[in-house]
């Protein structure tokens, strides 16, 4: 069920069966909207927790701990979300707290100085994991003017330059009710949920809507890149293909394709690269279809001397004739539905999905009548012009 609050906020509600209620507040205020100073979106997310007009930071932290079994926030390129799960009888108190944090941040100078150092330290440790390091290097190499070129958290020289006025300006321009969607999964009746949300979010006035920065359509450069990282034992590979020109039906067909090509230990990729050849330790695929990001990602971990052979087998796997038929397609669609229902059983994941899909105005639908021919066509359409990043162990590292 959906509704729009008097302030303009979209609400997407799903009836739950658990005593827990999950809520996710998504705002179209991600890192992709930054222009001159990279890191403002993530820094703003940090700053709203530093105090409001009626609560200091300690009071906010105490209430979050008291009310929520789980609570977090996250900045992505397209959006920022604030989310958590709590007992249904505590929903009003939780909404009261979340609304205060989002609508009434104090943005004091002392809190800003503290949090700026925290974020700088976070950036220094940002790419310690090889997975993050690999993707960051790939995006840096393949893009020239796209915000994806740099990490969500920003650039060090920009983080150092950011001041409190920059945060306030970014907040005022992007944190508005018309750019906000609330996903909620609760056993409480829809009317009760709307009543609570209206009570605490009706005071949020929309500032004048400024023209939004459009999606960057820069295509990633097509090449193979090699970089190095100290302290790793095996190499990491990430391959990306573009999805931006696909229709909803083509995306659905490609999702079915990925179900047998890249999902799980029975997939074609796992079978070819791991089971048959023993070349890789893991192989993962991801359809990243979000505002500003339209990519199919394949990643695997392997010994450096096996990378060339693994890439050769990967290319062969793309060109294979796949043994699929209409009956198999029905099985894959059922598998997709099972995974979706499993997530929906976990209210917090569903609440996040509801709010994010609404903010981005995007979703990958499931068409029941996808054909073998459609899958073959979309596979050939996607698997062109790959960009490849290889991270090897630094040669002089001991």
Protein backbone atom coordinates (compact mmCIF):
# COMPACT_ATOMS: atom_id res chain seq x y z
CA UNK A 1 0.00 0.00 0.00
CA UNK A 2 1.19 3.51 -0.71
CA UNK A 3 0.32 6.99 0.46
CA UNK A 4 1.71 10.52 0.38
CA UNK A 5 1.96 12.53 3.59
CA UNK A 6 0.83 16.16 3.69
CA UNK A 7 4.48 17.22 3.51
CA UNK A 8 4.96 15.29 0.24
CA UNK A 9 6.82 12.27 1.61
CA UNK A 10 5.97 8.96 -0.09
CA UNK A 11 5.11 6.06 2.21
CA UNK A 12 5.29 2.45 1.02
CA UNK A 13 3.75 0.02 3.51
CA UNK A 14 3.85 -3.76 3.68
CA UNK A 15 1.80 -5.69 6.22
CA UNK A 16 4.06 -7.76 8.44
CA UNK A 17 3.46 -10.68 10.79
CA UNK A 18 6.24 -10.12 13.32
CA UNK A 19 6.08 -8.10 16.54
CA UNK A 20 9.01 -6.19 15.09
CA UNK A 21 8.38 -3.18 12.88
CA UNK A 22 11.05 -2.15 10.37
CA UNK A 23 11.38 1.34 8.94
CA UNK A 24 13.68 2.79 6.30
CA UNK A 25 13.83 6.45 5.34
CA UNK A 26 15.41 6.94 1.93
CA UNK A 27 16.41 10.34 0.57
CA UNK A 28 17.57 11.27 -2.91
CA UNK A 29 20.72 12.83 -1.47
CA UNK A 30 23.55 10.51 -2.42
CA UNK A 31 27.14 11.13 -3.41
CA UNK A 32 26.27 11.36 -7.13
CA UNK A 33 24.75 14.80 -6.44
CA UNK A 34 28.07 16.25 -5.27
CA UNK A 35 29.93 18.52 -7.62
CA UNK A 36 32.84 20.56 -6.31
CA UNK A 37 33.46 18.86 -2.96
CA UNK A 38 33.35 15.07 -2.90
CA UNK A 39 32.32 13.62 0.44
CA UNK A 40 29.51 16.02 1.38
CA UNK A 41 26.73 13.41 1.22
CA UNK A 42 28.47 10.98 3.56
CA UNK A 43 29.57 13.76 5.90
CA UNK A 44 26.00 15.06 6.08
CA UNK A 45 24.76 11.58 7.02
CA UNK A 46 27.24 11.60 9.92
CA UNK A 47 26.34 15.12 11.01
CA UNK A 48 22.59 14.58 11.49
CA UNK A 49 23.40 12.29 14.43
CA UNK A 50 25.53 14.93 16.18
CA UNK A 51 22.57 16.69 17.76
CA UNK A 52 19.26 18.41 17.01
CA UNK A 53 17.52 21.48 18.33
CA UNK A 54 16.06 19.41 21.20
CA UNK A 55 18.48 16.46 21.66
CA UNK A 56 22.24 16.36 22.08
CA UNK A 57 24.37 13.55 20.66
CA UNK A 58 24.38 11.53 23.87
CA UNK A 59 20.60 11.68 24.14
CA UNK A 60 20.25 10.56 20.52
CA UNK A 61 22.58 7.61 21.10
CA UNK A 62 20.78 6.62 24.30
CA UNK A 63 17.39 6.63 22.59
CA UNK A 64 18.67 4.71 19.57
CA UNK A 65 20.04 2.02 21.89
CA UNK A 66 16.89 1.95 23.99
CA UNK A 67 14.42 1.71 21.09
CA UNK A 68 16.07 -0.19 18.26
CA UNK A 69 17.19 -3.81 18.11
CA UNK A 70 19.09 -2.82 14.98
CA UNK A 71 19.69 0.61 13.50
CA UNK A 72 22.04 2.06 10.92
CA UNK A 73 22.50 4.61 8.13
CA UNK A 74 24.23 4.37 4.78
CA UNK A 75 25.23 6.70 1.97
CA UNK A 76 25.37 5.35 -1.57
CA UNK A 77 25.96 7.11 -4.87
CA UNK A 78 22.20 7.53 -5.57
CA UNK A 79 20.74 7.87 -2.06
CA UNK A 80 21.13 7.96 1.71
CA UNK A 81 19.03 5.78 4.02
CA UNK A 82 18.30 5.75 7.74
CA UNK A 83 16.79 2.49 8.92
CA UNK A 84 16.14 0.16 11.83
CA UNK A 85 13.89 -2.43 13.49
CA UNK A 86 12.04 -2.01 16.78
CA UNK A 87 9.05 -3.39 18.65
CA UNK A 88 5.74 -2.26 17.15
CA UNK A 89 4.71 -0.56 20.40
CA UNK A 90 7.84 1.62 20.13
CA UNK A 91 7.21 2.76 16.57
CA UNK A 92 5.92 6.19 17.56
CA UNK A 93 8.96 6.88 19.73
CA UNK A 94 11.24 5.66 16.93
CA UNK A 95 9.55 7.87 14.34
CA UNK A 96 9.74 10.79 16.75
CA UNK A 97 13.50 10.26 17.05
CA UNK A 98 14.17 9.65 13.35
CA UNK A 99 12.11 12.67 12.29
CA UNK A 100 13.96 14.92 14.73
CA UNK A 101 17.35 13.71 13.48
CA UNK A 102 16.45 14.21 9.82
CA UNK A 103 14.37 17.40 10.05
CA UNK A 104 16.10 19.34 12.84
CA UNK A 105 19.88 18.76 12.78
CA UNK A 106 21.71 21.40 14.84
CA UNK A 107 24.92 21.32 12.74
CA UNK A 108 27.12 22.73 15.50
CA UNK A 109 30.75 23.60 14.84
CA UNK A 110 32.22 21.46 17.62
CA UNK A 111 30.39 18.34 16.42
CA UNK A 112 31.49 19.03 12.86
CA UNK A 113 35.18 19.22 13.82
CA UNK A 114 34.90 15.90 15.70
CA UNK A 115 33.09 14.12 12.89
CA UNK A 116 35.36 15.47 10.19
CA UNK A 117 38.29 13.72 11.84
CA UNK A 118 36.27 10.51 12.12
CA UNK A 119 35.47 10.56 8.39
CA UNK A 120 39.07 11.35 7.45
CA UNK A 121 40.19 8.35 9.50
CA UNK A 122 37.50 6.25 7.81
CA UNK A 123 38.82 7.24 4.37
CA UNK A 124 42.36 6.28 5.39
CA UNK A 125 41.06 2.77 6.11
CA UNK A 126 38.48 2.72 3.30
CA UNK A 127 40.07 0.28 0.88
CA UNK A 128 41.78 -2.11 3.30
CA UNK A 129 39.47 -4.87 2.02
CA UNK A 130 40.62 -6.12 -1.38
CA UNK A 131 37.04 -6.18 -2.71
CA UNK A 132 36.58 -2.45 -2.09
CA UNK A 133 40.09 -1.70 -3.32
CA UNK A 134 39.47 -3.59 -6.57
CA UNK A 135 36.22 -1.81 -7.39
CA UNK A 136 37.63 1.60 -6.46
CA UNK A 137 40.60 1.07 -8.75
CA UNK A 138 38.35 -0.12 -11.57
CA UNK A 139 36.04 2.89 -11.33
CA UNK A 140 39.00 5.26 -11.09
CA UNK A 141 40.49 3.77 -14.26
CA UNK A 142 37.37 3.53 -16.41
CA UNK A 143 35.71 6.89 -15.70
CA UNK A 144 36.86 10.44 -16.40
CA UNK A 145 34.01 12.75 -15.34
CA UNK A 146 31.65 10.36 -13.56
CA UNK A 147 31.20 10.69 -9.77
CA UNK A 148 31.73 6.93 -9.58
CA UNK A 149 35.41 7.59 -10.30
CA UNK A 150 35.96 8.32 -6.60
CA UNK A 151 34.76 6.50 -3.46
CA UNK A 152 31.41 7.39 -1.92
CA UNK A 153 33.22 8.71 1.14
CA UNK A 154 35.02 11.31 -0.99
CA UNK A 155 38.56 12.49 -1.70
CA UNK A 156 41.05 13.40 1.01
CA UNK A 157 41.81 16.90 -0.28
CA UNK A 158 38.08 17.63 -0.53
CA UNK A 159 37.31 16.27 2.95
CA UNK A 160 39.97 18.57 4.36
CA UNK A 161 38.40 21.58 2.57
CA UNK A 162 34.78 20.89 3.60
CA UNK A 163 33.41 23.31 6.19
CA UNK A 164 30.14 23.42 8.12
CA UNK A 165 28.54 25.85 5.68
CA UNK A 166 29.13 23.36 2.87
CA UNK A 167 27.27 20.72 4.89
CA UNK A 168 24.37 23.06 5.58
CA UNK A 169 24.10 23.99 1.91
CA UNK A 170 24.11 20.35 0.78
CA UNK A 171 21.49 19.48 3.40
CA UNK A 172 19.21 22.37 2.45
CA UNK A 173 19.41 21.53 -1.26
CA UNK A 174 18.87 17.78 -0.97
CA UNK A 175 17.12 16.86 2.28
CA UNK A 176 13.55 17.70 1.35
CA UNK A 177 10.28 15.78 1.82
CA UNK A 178 9.62 15.64 -1.92
CA UNK A 179 12.85 13.66 -2.30
CA UNK A 180 12.08 11.32 0.59
CA UNK A 181 10.40 7.91 0.72
CA UNK A 182 9.62 5.85 3.82
CA UNK A 183 9.40 2.08 3.58
CA UNK A 184 7.74 0.38 6.52
CA UNK A 185 6.95 -3.25 7.34
CA UNK A 186 4.65 -3.62 10.33
CA UNK A 187 1.85 -5.66 11.87
CA UNK A 188 0.25 -2.33 12.81
CA UNK A 189 -2.62 -1.24 10.60
CA UNK A 190 -1.78 1.01 7.67
CA UNK A 191 -4.00 3.81 8.99
CA UNK A 192 -2.18 3.76 12.35
CA UNK A 193 1.22 3.89 10.67
CA UNK A 194 0.18 6.85 8.50
CA UNK A 195 -1.23 8.62 11.56
CA UNK A 196 2.12 8.29 13.37
CA UNK A 197 4.20 9.34 10.38
CA UNK A 198 1.93 12.32 9.69
CA UNK A 199 2.22 13.47 13.29
CA UNK A 200 6.00 13.77 13.16
CA UNK A 201 6.78 14.54 9.52
CA UNK A 202 4.00 17.02 8.68
CA UNK A 203 6.10 19.94 9.95
CA UNK A 204 8.84 19.31 7.38
CA UNK A 205 8.45 22.05 4.81
CA UNK A 206 9.78 21.68 1.31
CA UNK A 207 12.24 24.28 0.19
CA UNK A 208 12.14 25.44 -3.40
CA UNK A 209 12.96 22.48 -5.64
CA UNK A 210 16.19 23.06 -7.51
CA UNK A 211 16.97 21.41 -10.81
CA UNK A 212 18.61 18.07 -10.12
CA UNK A 213 21.87 16.91 -11.53
CA UNK A 214 21.08 14.40 -14.28
CA UNK A 215 22.46 10.91 -14.52
CA UNK A 216 25.96 10.79 -15.93
CA UNK A 217 25.88 8.74 -19.13
CA UNK A 218 29.65 8.38 -19.50
CA UNK A 219 30.47 4.86 -20.66
CA UNK A 220 33.31 3.10 -18.84
CA UNK A 221 36.52 2.75 -20.85
CA UNK A 222 36.97 -0.69 -22.37
CA UNK A 223 40.32 -2.10 -21.33
CA UNK A 224 42.14 -4.39 -18.90
CA UNK A 225 43.78 -2.62 -15.96
CA UNK A 226 46.32 -4.01 -13.52
CA UNK A 227 47.08 -2.53 -10.12
CA UNK A 228 48.85 -3.74 -7.01
CA UNK A 229 48.16 -4.02 -3.30
CA UNK A 230 50.43 -4.93 -0.44
CA UNK A 231 49.63 -7.72 1.98
CA UNK A 232 47.44 -9.91 -0.22
CA UNK A 233 48.10 -13.53 -1.13
CA UNK A 234 45.81 -13.91 -4.13
CA UNK A 235 44.67 -11.71 -6.98
CA UNK A 236 41.22 -10.15 -7.28
CA UNK A 237 39.46 -9.60 -10.61
CA UNK A 238 36.38 -7.51 -11.32
CA UNK A 239 34.68 -7.35 -14.72
CA UNK A 240 31.85 -4.95 -15.55
CA UNK A 241 29.38 -4.68 -18.42
CA UNK A 242 26.86 -1.88 -19.02
CA UNK A 243 23.12 -2.35 -18.48
CA UNK A 244 21.93 1.20 -19.10
CA UNK A 245 20.24 0.64 -22.48
CA UNK A 246 18.07 -2.30 -21.40
CA UNK A 247 14.28 -2.13 -21.21
CA UNK A 248 12.40 -3.46 -18.18
CA UNK A 249 11.62 -6.67 -20.02
CA UNK A 250 15.25 -7.10 -21.08
CA UNK A 251 16.36 -6.55 -17.47
CA UNK A 252 13.93 -9.22 -16.34
CA UNK A 253 15.29 -11.61 -18.97
CA UNK A 254 18.85 -10.86 -17.92
CA UNK A 255 17.95 -11.47 -14.30
CA UNK A 256 16.70 -14.94 -15.29
CA UNK A 257 19.93 -15.48 -17.27
CA UNK A 258 22.06 -14.55 -14.26
CA UNK A 259 20.15 -17.05 -12.14
CA UNK A 260 21.79 -19.95 -13.97
CA UNK A 261 24.91 -18.18 -15.25
CA UNK A 262 26.26 -16.61 -12.07
CA UNK A 263 24.20 -17.48 -8.98
CA UNK A 264 25.42 -20.12 -6.54
CA UNK A 265 27.60 -23.25 -6.71
CA UNK A 266 25.51 -24.75 -9.51
CA UNK A 267 26.01 -21.79 -11.84
CA UNK A 268 27.84 -21.97 -15.16
CA UNK A 269 30.57 -19.63 -13.94
CA UNK A 270 31.19 -21.56 -10.72
CA UNK A 271 31.15 -24.85 -12.59
CA UNK A 272 33.58 -23.69 -15.28
CA UNK A 273 35.96 -21.66 -13.13
CA UNK A 274 35.91 -23.60 -9.85
CA UNK A 275 34.42 -27.07 -10.12
CA UNK A 276 35.96 -28.14 -13.44
CA UNK A 277 39.14 -26.07 -13.48
CA UNK A 278 39.95 -25.25 -9.86
CA UNK A 279 41.17 -21.84 -11.01
CA UNK A 280 39.28 -19.55 -8.60
CA UNK A 281 38.37 -19.54 -4.91
CA UNK A 282 35.06 -17.80 -5.38
CA UNK A 283 33.05 -16.20 -8.14
CA UNK A 284 30.25 -13.70 -7.55
CA UNK A 285 27.91 -11.77 -9.83
CA UNK A 286 25.77 -8.73 -9.12
CA UNK A 287 23.19 -6.81 -11.14
CA UNK A 288 23.73 -3.27 -9.94
CA UNK A 289 20.75 -1.39 -11.36
CA UNK A 290 20.36 1.88 -9.51
CA UNK A 291 20.07 5.51 -10.41
CA UNK A 292 23.53 6.57 -11.68
CA UNK A 293 24.75 2.93 -11.67
CA UNK A 294 23.79 0.43 -14.38
CA UNK A 295 26.33 -2.37 -14.30
CA UNK A 296 26.65 -6.14 -14.32
CA UNK A 297 29.57 -7.07 -12.08
CA UNK A 298 31.55 -10.30 -11.98
CA UNK A 299 34.29 -10.78 -9.37
CA UNK A 300 36.57 -13.68 -8.50
CA UNK A 301 39.62 -14.46 -6.39
CA UNK A 302 42.48 -16.52 -7.84
CA UNK A 303 46.22 -17.10 -7.74
CA UNK A 304 48.08 -14.61 -9.93
CA UNK A 305 49.45 -17.26 -12.28
CA UNK A 306 45.91 -18.51 -12.97
CA UNK A 307 44.30 -15.20 -13.92
CA UNK A 308 44.96 -15.39 -17.68
CA UNK A 309 43.50 -18.88 -17.91
CA UNK A 310 40.51 -17.90 -15.75
CA UNK A 311 39.74 -14.93 -18.04
CA UNK A 312 40.01 -17.23 -21.07
CA UNK A 313 37.52 -19.68 -19.54
CA UNK A 314 35.25 -16.76 -18.57
CA UNK A 315 35.16 -15.60 -22.20
CA UNK A 316 34.41 -19.16 -23.30
CA UNK A 317 31.55 -19.33 -20.77
CA UNK A 318 30.02 -16.20 -22.27
CA UNK A 319 30.06 -17.78 -25.73
CA UNK A 320 28.67 -21.16 -24.68
CA UNK A 321 25.39 -22.56 -25.90
CA UNK A 322 23.26 -22.79 -22.77
CA UNK A 323 20.98 -25.75 -22.19
CA UNK A 324 17.80 -23.89 -21.29
CA UNK A 325 14.16 -24.33 -22.20
CA UNK A 326 10.80 -22.93 -21.16
CA UNK A 327 10.56 -25.39 -18.25
CA UNK A 328 13.98 -24.35 -16.95
CA UNK A 329 13.02 -20.68 -17.20
CA UNK A 330 10.02 -21.35 -14.95
CA UNK A 331 12.37 -22.96 -12.41
CA UNK A 332 14.69 -19.94 -12.47
CA UNK A 333 11.79 -17.53 -12.04
CA UNK A 334 10.62 -19.56 -9.02
CA UNK A 335 14.14 -19.35 -7.61
CA UNK A 336 14.14 -15.56 -7.98
CA UNK A 337 10.76 -15.40 -6.23
CA UNK A 338 11.98 -17.62 -3.36
CA UNK A 339 14.94 -15.31 -2.74
CA UNK A 340 12.69 -12.27 -2.87
CA UNK A 341 10.25 -13.83 -0.36
CA UNK A 342 13.14 -14.80 1.91
CA UNK A 343 14.22 -11.16 2.03
CA UNK A 344 10.67 -10.07 2.68
CA UNK A 345 10.60 -12.37 5.72
CA UNK A 346 13.38 -10.18 7.10
CA UNK A 347 11.48 -6.95 7.54
CA UNK A 348 14.47 -4.61 7.61
CA UNK A 349 15.66 -5.78 4.17
CA UNK A 350 12.20 -5.32 2.73
CA UNK A 351 11.79 -1.86 4.30
CA UNK A 352 15.13 -0.78 2.81
CA UNK A 353 14.16 -2.13 -0.59
CA UNK A 354 10.79 -0.36 -0.52
CA UNK A 355 12.29 3.04 0.34
CA UNK A 356 15.26 2.78 -2.02
CA UNK A 357 13.21 1.61 -5.01
CA UNK A 358 10.81 4.49 -4.43
CA UNK A 359 13.58 7.09 -4.15
CA UNK A 360 15.25 5.84 -7.32
CA UNK A 361 11.94 5.13 -9.05
CA UNK A 362 13.49 1.86 -10.21
CA UNK A 363 12.78 -1.81 -9.82
CA UNK A 364 13.50 -4.93 -11.83
CA UNK A 365 10.12 -6.55 -12.48
CA UNK A 366 9.62 -10.27 -12.96
CA UNK A 367 7.88 -11.13 -16.23
CA UNK A 368 6.43 -14.64 -16.11
CA UNK A 369 6.50 -15.17 -19.88
CA UNK A 370 10.21 -14.58 -20.60
CA UNK A 371 11.34 -16.76 -23.51
CA UNK A 372 14.57 -18.58 -24.37
CA UNK A 373 15.04 -16.29 -27.36
CA UNK A 374 14.75 -13.14 -25.22
CA UNK A 375 17.42 -14.48 -22.87
CA UNK A 376 19.80 -15.19 -25.74
CA UNK A 377 19.27 -11.75 -27.24
CA UNK A 378 19.81 -9.85 -23.98
CA UNK A 379 22.88 -11.95 -23.14
CA UNK A 380 24.49 -10.96 -26.44
CA UNK A 381 23.44 -7.34 -25.89
CA UNK A 382 25.08 -7.13 -22.44
CA UNK A 383 28.27 -9.09 -23.05
CA UNK A 384 30.03 -6.48 -25.13
CA UNK A 385 32.86 -4.10 -24.27
CA UNK A 386 33.99 -5.37 -20.86
CA UNK A 387 36.12 -3.34 -18.46
CA UNK A 388 38.44 -5.49 -16.34
CA UNK A 389 40.43 -4.70 -13.21
CA UNK A 390 43.11 -7.10 -11.87
CA UNK A 391 44.64 -6.53 -8.45
CA UNK A 392 47.90 -8.41 -7.89
CA UNK A 393 50.28 -8.63 -4.95
CA UNK A 394 52.86 -5.87 -4.98
CA UNK A 395 56.03 -7.49 -6.32
CA UNK A 396 58.42 -5.91 -3.81
CA UNK A 397 56.22 -6.69 -0.80
CA UNK A 398 57.53 -9.28 1.65
